[in-house]
Amino acid sequence: MERPDPLEILSNMRGVVKAFYLDDETLRMIDEEEKKVKAVGDIAVRNDGFSQALEREHVICIVKDPRFRPPPEPTVILESDGGLLMGVEVFPHTAKEYMERENTIWLSDGFVVFTDVRPEKGESENFVMPPVSFPELNESNGCTNVISCSPAPTCDAMIRKRHGMEDDPKLASILVAFDTVTQ
């Protein structure tokens, strides 16, 4: 029995406008740009998801619209150099969990900071974009070590421009990286 094509699986997901493999040149350009990204207040941004995506055999970019499903776990966290979780992305379905807590400050509708977690002296804070699971690709369709990540906004714009897409604020890119299952 022939396995379904990962690109076809992703292309057929609700909310996917376009899906395509990224070539080595594009991945190099994204890597260079990701190294320059800083958040407000000059806080470092570390895209661990993208770093891990570069270790995979294949990277597919999907450009999605608002109908696409929410991520299965947070795509952004605030972490100290020592690995202390200091803040986390919040989704509508997880917001209630944080609404009642006294140790949170809402930075936005979608992000909380924990007031009782402080970095060790000399440590800095980093916004980390961790690898996120992507259950639609798995061993049953020939994929292993599957992760997804969000590229920085500048990388998102660069990718869409390279693929002839207009700059539409309703669209966003997700990178899905995986290795092929060997028989």
Protein backbone atom coordinates (compact mmCIF):
# COMPACT_ATOMS: atom_id res chain seq x y z
CA MET A 1 0.00 0.00 0.00
CA GLU A 2 1.35 3.40 -0.99
CA ARG A 3 1.72 5.96 1.77
CA PRO A 4 0.06 9.36 1.43
CA ASP A 5 2.35 12.21 0.43
CA PRO A 6 3.14 14.55 3.38
CA LEU A 7 2.82 17.62 1.13
CA GLU A 8 -0.63 16.45 0.01
CA ILE A 9 -1.72 15.80 3.61
CA LEU A 10 -0.72 19.32 4.64
CA SER A 11 -2.15 20.95 1.51
CA ASN A 12 -5.54 19.41 2.22
CA MET A 13 -5.81 20.64 5.82
CA ARG A 14 -8.54 23.18 6.59
CA GLY A 15 -7.18 26.72 6.38
CA VAL A 16 -4.05 25.90 4.36
CA VAL A 17 -3.76 28.36 1.47
CA LYS A 18 -0.50 26.99 0.06
CA ALA A 19 2.08 24.34 1.01
CA PHE A 20 5.56 23.76 -0.42
CA TYR A 21 8.96 22.32 0.43
CA LEU A 22 11.64 24.83 1.41
CA ASP A 23 14.95 24.55 -0.42
CA ASP A 24 18.39 24.81 1.21
CA GLU A 25 18.93 28.40 0.04
CA THR A 26 15.67 29.57 1.62
CA LEU A 27 16.47 27.70 4.85
CA ARG A 28 19.90 29.42 4.99
CA MET A 29 18.27 32.83 4.51
CA ILE A 30 15.74 32.12 7.27
CA ASP A 31 18.51 30.91 9.58
CA GLU A 32 20.47 34.15 9.10
CA GLU A 33 17.37 36.28 9.73
CA GLU A 34 16.30 34.27 12.82
CA LYS A 35 19.68 35.04 14.43
CA LYS A 36 18.91 38.79 14.27
CA VAL A 37 15.46 38.71 15.89
CA LYS A 38 14.91 40.62 19.15
CA ALA A 39 11.69 41.26 21.07
CA VAL A 40 10.49 44.53 22.58
CA GLY A 41 12.88 45.68 25.29
CA ASP A 42 15.77 44.00 23.45
CA ILE A 43 14.86 40.59 24.95
CA ALA A 44 16.49 37.81 22.98
CA VAL A 45 14.28 35.55 20.87
CA ARG A 46 15.47 31.99 20.42
CA ASN A 47 13.65 29.92 17.82
CA ASP A 48 14.46 26.41 19.10
CA GLY A 49 11.76 24.98 16.83
CA PHE A 50 13.47 26.33 13.73
CA SER A 51 16.92 25.19 14.92
CA GLN A 52 15.53 21.67 15.32
CA ALA A 53 13.73 21.87 11.97
CA LEU A 54 17.12 22.38 10.29
CA GLU A 55 18.15 18.97 11.67
CA ARG A 56 15.34 17.20 9.79
CA GLU A 57 15.44 15.78 6.24
CA HIS A 58 12.42 17.76 5.00
CA VAL A 59 10.88 21.13 5.81
CA ILE A 60 7.48 22.04 4.41
CA CYS A 61 6.08 25.54 4.73
CA ILE A 62 2.34 25.89 5.03
CA VAL A 63 0.76 29.29 4.62
CA LYS A 64 -2.45 29.30 6.63
CA ASP A 65 -5.46 31.51 7.16
CA PRO A 66 -7.52 31.94 10.37
CA ARG A 67 -9.52 28.73 9.75
CA PHE A 68 -6.43 26.60 10.52
CA ARG A 69 -6.57 24.65 13.79
CA PRO A 70 -4.89 26.10 16.90
CA PRO A 71 -1.49 24.69 17.90
CA PRO A 72 -1.57 21.72 20.29
CA GLU A 73 0.77 23.48 22.75
CA PRO A 74 2.28 26.96 23.29
CA THR A 75 4.37 28.36 20.45
CA VAL A 76 6.06 30.99 22.64
CA ILE A 77 7.36 30.86 26.21
CA LEU A 78 9.43 33.23 28.35
CA GLU A 79 12.36 31.41 29.91
CA SER A 80 15.47 32.29 31.91
CA ASP A 81 18.93 31.22 30.76
CA GLY A 82 18.71 28.54 33.45
CA GLY A 83 15.49 27.12 32.02
CA LEU A 84 12.97 28.62 34.47
CA LEU A 85 9.53 29.00 32.87
CA MET A 86 8.64 32.65 33.45
CA GLY A 87 5.73 33.10 31.04
CA VAL A 88 3.63 31.23 28.51
CA GLU A 89 1.34 31.71 25.54
CA VAL A 90 -2.33 31.32 26.47
CA PHE A 91 -5.09 30.10 24.16
CA PRO A 92 -8.82 30.76 24.51
CA HIS A 93 -9.32 27.17 25.69
CA THR A 94 -6.57 27.51 28.37
CA ALA A 95 -7.26 31.11 29.49
CA LYS A 96 -9.55 30.12 32.36
CA GLU A 97 -6.64 28.22 33.95
CA TYR A 98 -4.71 31.51 34.27
CA MET A 99 -7.60 33.93 34.96
CA GLU A 100 -7.99 32.82 38.55
CA ARG A 101 -4.30 32.65 39.42
CA GLU A 102 -2.82 35.42 41.53
CA ASN A 103 0.73 34.89 40.25
CA THR A 104 0.09 36.01 36.65
CA ILE A 105 0.24 39.30 34.79
CA TRP A 106 -1.37 39.37 31.36
CA LEU A 107 1.00 40.97 28.82
CA SER A 108 -1.67 40.56 26.14
CA ASP A 109 -4.82 38.53 25.58
CA GLY A 110 -2.57 35.63 24.67
CA PHE A 111 0.42 35.72 27.03
CA VAL A 112 0.96 35.62 30.80
CA VAL A 113 4.04 36.21 32.92
CA PHE A 114 4.43 34.48 36.29
CA THR A 115 5.14 37.05 39.01
CA ASP A 116 6.58 34.50 41.45
CA VAL A 117 9.30 33.20 39.10
CA ARG A 118 12.50 35.24 38.89
CA PRO A 119 15.70 34.42 37.03
CA GLU A 120 18.87 33.82 39.01
CA LYS A 121 21.15 36.83 39.39
CA GLY A 122 23.02 37.44 36.14
CA GLU A 123 20.62 35.36 34.04
CA SER A 124 18.65 36.97 31.27
CA GLU A 125 15.17 36.36 29.94
CA ASN A 126 14.55 34.90 26.50
CA PHE A 127 11.44 34.47 24.45
CA VAL A 128 11.70 30.89 23.21
CA MET A 129 9.77 29.46 20.30
CA PRO A 130 9.84 25.74 21.09
CA PRO A 131 9.24 22.91 18.64
CA VAL A 132 5.54 22.07 18.57
CA SER A 133 4.02 18.69 17.80
CA PHE A 134 2.19 18.22 14.51
CA PRO A 135 0.04 15.08 14.81
CA GLU A 136 -1.21 15.04 11.21
CA LEU A 137 2.20 13.73 10.10
CA ASN A 138 3.28 10.54 11.83
CA GLU A 139 4.76 7.10 11.25
CA SER A 140 1.54 5.82 9.67
CA ASN A 141 2.15 8.21 6.77
CA GLY A 142 5.92 7.69 6.61
CA CYS A 143 7.08 10.55 8.83
CA THR A 144 9.10 10.48 12.03
CA ASN A 145 10.69 13.11 14.31
CA VAL A 146 7.92 15.51 13.27
CA ILE A 147 7.94 19.05 14.66
CA SER A 148 6.47 22.35 13.65
CA CYS A 149 7.47 25.91 14.38
CA SER A 150 6.57 29.47 13.57
CA PRO A 151 9.17 31.53 11.76
CA ALA A 152 9.81 35.10 12.90
CA PRO A 153 7.50 37.65 11.24
CA THR A 154 10.33 38.92 9.02
CA CYS A 155 11.03 35.34 7.89
CA ASP A 156 7.33 34.70 7.30
CA ALA A 157 7.17 37.74 5.00
CA MET A 158 10.38 36.71 3.23
CA ILE A 159 9.13 33.16 2.57
CA ARG A 160 5.79 34.34 1.17
CA LYS A 161 7.48 36.94 -1.04
CA ARG A 162 9.88 34.30 -2.44
CA HIS A 163 6.86 32.19 -3.35
CA GLY A 164 4.98 35.00 -5.09
CA MET A 165 2.42 35.63 -2.37
CA GLU A 166 1.13 39.04 -1.37
CA ASP A 167 1.70 40.41 2.12
CA ASP A 168 -1.67 39.60 3.69
CA PRO A 169 -1.96 40.10 7.49
CA LYS A 170 -4.60 37.34 7.65
CA LEU A 171 -2.01 34.76 6.57
CA ALA A 172 0.87 33.23 8.51
CA SER A 173 3.46 30.54 7.87
CA ILE A 174 4.16 27.39 9.83
CA LEU A 175 7.14 25.19 9.13
CA VAL A 176 6.64 21.43 9.48
CA ALA A 177 9.85 19.38 9.58
CA PHE A 178 10.26 15.63 9.56
CA ASP A 179 12.44 12.70 8.66
CA THR A 180 11.29 9.86 6.43
CA VAL A 181 10.60 6.51 8.08
CA THR A 182 13.05 3.92 6.82
CA GLN A 183 11.72 0.44 6.21
